[in-house]
Every structure is written in structure tokens, then in C-alpha cells.
Amino acid sequence: MASATTTKTGQPFDREVLDSLLKRTGFYMPSFEIYGGEKGLFDYGPPLTALQSNFVDLWRKHFVLREKMLEVDTTIITPEPVFITSGHVAKFADFMSKDPKTGEIFRTDHLIKQVLGARLKADQDARGQTIEVEKPDEAQKKKKIKDVKIEKLDDAVAQEYHETLAKLDNYDGDGFNELIKKFEIKGPTSGVDLDPPKPFNLMFQTYIGPSADKPNGYLRPETAQGQFLNFQKLLEFNKQKMPFASASIGKSFRNEISPRQGLLRVREFLMAEIEHYVDPESGKKHDKFDDVKDVELTLLNRHTQLAGSEKTEVMTIGDAVAKKVVDNETLGYFIVRIQDFLLKLGIDKTKLRFRQHMANEMAHYAADCWDAELYGSYGWIECVGCADRSAYDLTVHMRKTGAPLVVRENLSEPKKFQEYQIDLNKKKLGPKFRKDAKAVEAAVEGLSQDLREKLSLELKDSGKITIDTPGLGSGKTELDKDLVTIEQREVIQHVREYTPNVIEPSFGIGRILYHLLEHVFWTRQNTDPKDAEPSARNVLSLPPLIAPIKVLLVPLSSHPDFKPFLRSLTTMLDELDITNSIDDSSASIGKRYSRNDELGTPFGITVDFQTVKDKTITLRERDSTKQVRASQEDICQAIEALVKGRETWGKVQSRLPEFTSQEVD
């Protein structure tokens, strides 16, 4: 497991070198830069846009195509009642701390992590040891923690710091406030006491329509709600068959308290989300689980974290589900599929782990959740969530609207049983609650059998009951015996009706792409004797499957005899849907290849005077710089096989003639 930040080849990793490369080669740039920019907003240049497009294409093939999912594209702008019902208005928040002297605002958990991390580093320096800490980015440098005096901490204090950091995600606002007081954490620049942490809702508000006198909508923070609201139509499209999954790829928005960490924590980003609907009475089994049960995963469970440790355990998903480390087969199946996808992208397996959410950390809707975390220069960062959302979303939307977000299943044999049924006096309900009558009725219909039994006794004893009605006034509604009757009756059921549970894999595409770039980055020493000083040349070893440009075409010179060959090669590669570019600049072949190694281009074709004579060309592989020579047709066929994963470079080398020629500048 990764313990220090290294390049693909094990060299010490320098984030500033990679960031410089990415900006210089146009991978990304700050949005609105000529106006001074805006924190947390970035534009993707041609290389990163192409890389993201290839990511999305691979994601669709790996999940939507392979798992027969139903892909939808739902709106970004969402009416406020949707997010009131889902709980996002009340609970989709992070805690922030304000410095009363400077007015600076900090995300509380990040500030605590930064301060304790700085103290632990000072302790290690005092002991003559080293500790891997998060290197500050530009935003953090402006809010720099005051230099910590290099001195030893008591062993017990250092251990407490480590344990606190291990379970930091499990604290709420009161817990954070206690930590700030206990560890005497002050304003980073002023040194004064901070205001108590307050929740800050992360959603962007907006106005829908010209008549709105106050914000009445939000930019979605996830694609999930649009999928849930269309559940009934998707079930019909799927011919009423269960289980099934919907999927969506689209922009989401979160008003981050203090955007930092470059592309990792931004306010506008692309997500890919899956909602897999499953019968809760099936035990959430998956019919393909046996295919993946022997796959090993690196897991960090909640019990280990609560004990103040980050020690991971490698185990098969079969064992993890059998031991209830992972709750069920469907959740386990998708965790494996997530790992398969990340490794196919080029993520370093030693820098991948799955961490289970602790109780206070879990989203308000989740029954269980695991994050695929990737390790890089910012430490461990969550990049994919895989949550068991239970039946929460469909249930609350059904209660609010009365829409039948349920599955109806014909039974082979009728079932007889006793259940509590509720009758509403609709002649009185309508006049009493007017426009809210439908919402009250939906809330009543959504009451569980256990709650109905309890309420029947309350109604008998006091002549009235109180039920939860989210989004209406105080959220509580009182009904008296003139409006409602609750009785236990025998039911003969011919059709079973149930609300599905949902397993949701959710991918933060920008975060994954940034970690991929860190994981495939390395430097190659230039040992050309013609160079006065040997220099390091940067390489991005992106897999051919997702590299922005697959092939670089390099003419030996600007000789006119080379142009017909370049035109025919471009045509052949275009017809194979293989992206390519020509570099016919005056730089040496070595420098031209080096420039494209920085872009992650995996293959290069050289057209030279031998090409004019016998129509053969050379094919260069980026990482090894080895070359083979063959006809245009053979080389293009080899490239197609390499790009589509049907053949390895080693196999190509074994069947095509080797070409040896030193690349010189």
C-alpha cells in the first residue's frame, strides 16, 4: 500500500512539475483567467477534454453496455420542492469555521486536519524522522497555518492526534467544536478563537421563471434525483422486469466552502452515476456475484477507523460479504466492477483502497457506503462512492407526491395475512388541508405497518394522531378521528407491491482523471551525449485505450516526397477511428517525440527516405522507445489491435521486425 507520493516508476513525485506540464501543454486552465479567475472553476483544454471523452466512452461500455443499463439525461435546474423532499435542503452541508478578526472562512474538517498534520510533522522533524504530509496548493498558501515550532509531542498526544485524524469524518458540528477547543486550534493568520462551526448548504440556488421573487430552484449537486423521479417510466420501459439499473452522465454543482487542491475540489464538475434497483426481499443478491467472488480488494472498514487506525485488509469480496464486512452481494459486485474500471483506466492498484463510511459521515439517505479512494500528492481522496441508499429516495418522493414509485408483482399463489389499513375521510380532508391534502394523503399511505399499529393505539386512546409530513409547515401534521380510521384487517394479496432498494455507484470524473495523471506521470533521463547537460523528460504513460491522441506522425523532414505518405496514413487511421496528429516542425525527431510523450501519446510513426523506397514505416512505443518497421497496412493493423486491447506491445515486437535507430536531438 502506498505510503509516500511517487511517480509511476518509483521516483519522488513533485506536484509542481506535473502541474506545470499540464498547464503548459493546455490540459487545463483557470476559468475566466483574463478577468482574474474564480476559485473552484477550471476550463479543460484539448488534451483533457479528449481524455474525459475517452473516459466517458469507456465508462459507458464498461457499465451501461455490459450491465444493460438504461441511460437517461435529466435536467440540471431542479425545483426547490424536489430537494426539500429529498433532504438536501436541510442536510446537504459541510461545516465551516469563521475567523471573527479577519473574516476568513475555513472548512472545519480540513482546518483541523491541516493543523494536526502540521504538529505531527513538527514532532517527526524533532525526532529526526520524516512524515508524508499534504503539500499546500496556492489557495492554502494564502491561508497558511502559522509555522509550528519543531518540538517533540508526548507519545500519548501524538497518538491521540493520529487517532483523531483517522476518524475525523465521523464528527458532527458539536464534535468539531470540541476538537477545536481541546486542541486549541486558532485562526491560522490571526491566532484568535474561531466562531463555532456552522453548517453551510452546498447547493447553488437559482430563479426559475421571471415571476419568482425569491430563489425557487437549485442547480443539482448530483444526477440521482432526476433518475429517481423517472423510476416508474423506466420500469415500464424495462417491461416491469426487476432488478434493473439506470445511469446518467452530466454536470453537477456544489458551492464548496474553500475550493482548493486544483482539479480535486471544484464547484462545477462532471459526474457519472448508476442507480441499481433491487428487491429488498431478495437479500440484495446479484446473479453475477459468483463471477467476481474471488477478486481481492483492499478494504478499510469503519470499525478499524473508529479504533483510530487506518490499517487496511486485503480480502476477497466473497469473504467480505460472507463476514458482513460488505453488507450484501449487489454492493460487493459493484465495488469489484468499480475496481476493474479504475485499473483498466490505468490507476495504480497500490494506490487504491475502499474505505467504509462511518455512521456520522454517511449521507442522510445511506444504509451503507464505501468510497474508492485514490492516493496521490494530496493524500487519500474519495473519487467513487458506492452507497446502499435503501428505499429512501423513492419512498420520500412517493409520500410527497402520491406517485406510485413502486413495483407490482403478480403472485403465483395468493397470500393471506393481517395488516393495518388506513381510511381517510376525503370529504373533510380536502377542505381542511386544501392544496396540502394530497401530500398529507401520500404521507399517510407511506406509513409502515409497525407505525400504523402504534398509531392505531394512539388514535383509540386520545382520538388523534400526529404524522411526519416533510415539506409542510413544521413537518408534523395532526389528524383526529373524524379524518382518519386505522383498523387491522385480513388481506388476500394477488399482487405484491414493494418499493425497491437502490445501490448507487457515483463517479467524480475530474478527481479520477487528476489521480490518473499523477499515477501515470514519470520522468525519463535524457542521456544524449550532444546535450551539454542531461535533462529529465516528462512522460504520461496513459493507456492507449484512453490517450487523447493515439498516434503521432513524424516526417523525417519537410521533404515533399513524404507528404503523400502522411496523407494516406492519416486517411487509414481516421477510417479506423484512431486519433492522430502530424508534427512536421523543424525540431529533431527526438524532441518531437518527447513533446508528445508529455501529452501521453502512446505511439509514433516515422516517415523517412526508406519509406519512399519500399513504403515501410517505423512504429515507436512511448514507454520503451523501442521501434519496429513494416508496411503501412501492417503497422496500422498493429496500432488498431494495440488501441483496442487485442494485442500487447510485446506481441507486436515479437512478430514485426525490430528497427534500431538512436533518437538524437
Foldseek 3Di string as FASTA:
>chain_A
DDFAFAAQVRHHDDVVVLVVLCVVLQQKDAPPVVVPGDFQHIDGGLQVVLLLVLLVVLVCVLDCVVQVAAEDADDQKFFPVLCLLLVLVPFQWFWWWAAVPPRDIDRLLVLLLLVLQQVLQLQQVLVVHGHQAFDFDPLQVVQDAPRDHRDHDPPVVNLVSLLCNLQVLQDDQVRSQVSCVVVVPHRRPPSHHIDRIDIDRFWAFDPDDDPDPDTGITRAQACPSRCLVCLVVVCVVVVLDDWHKYKYKDKGATNDSRRGPPLQRHGIFIKIKMKTWHAVVVQLADPCLVVQQQPKAWEQAPVCSNVSDRDTDIDGLNVCCVVCSPPGSNLSVVVRSVVVSLVVFPADRVQWHKYKDDDNNDGPQFPTKIFTWGQHSRGTDGFKMKTFSFLSSNLSVCLQQVDQQKRKAFDPAKDKDKFKDKDFPVVVLCVVQPPRSRNNVSQVVSDDRVVLVVVQVVCVVPQKDKTARRPPDPRIDMDGVVTMHIDMDMDTDRMDMDRTIIIMMMGRSSNSVVSLQRHQKDWDWAPFPVDPDIDTFIARQGQLQSQSAAEEEEEQAPDPLCVVVVVVLVVLCVVLVHHYYYDRDPDFPVVVLSSVRSSNHQKYKYDYVVCSVPVKIWIAGNPVRWIFIDHSVLVSVVSSCRNVVVDDPVVVPVPTHTDDDDGDD
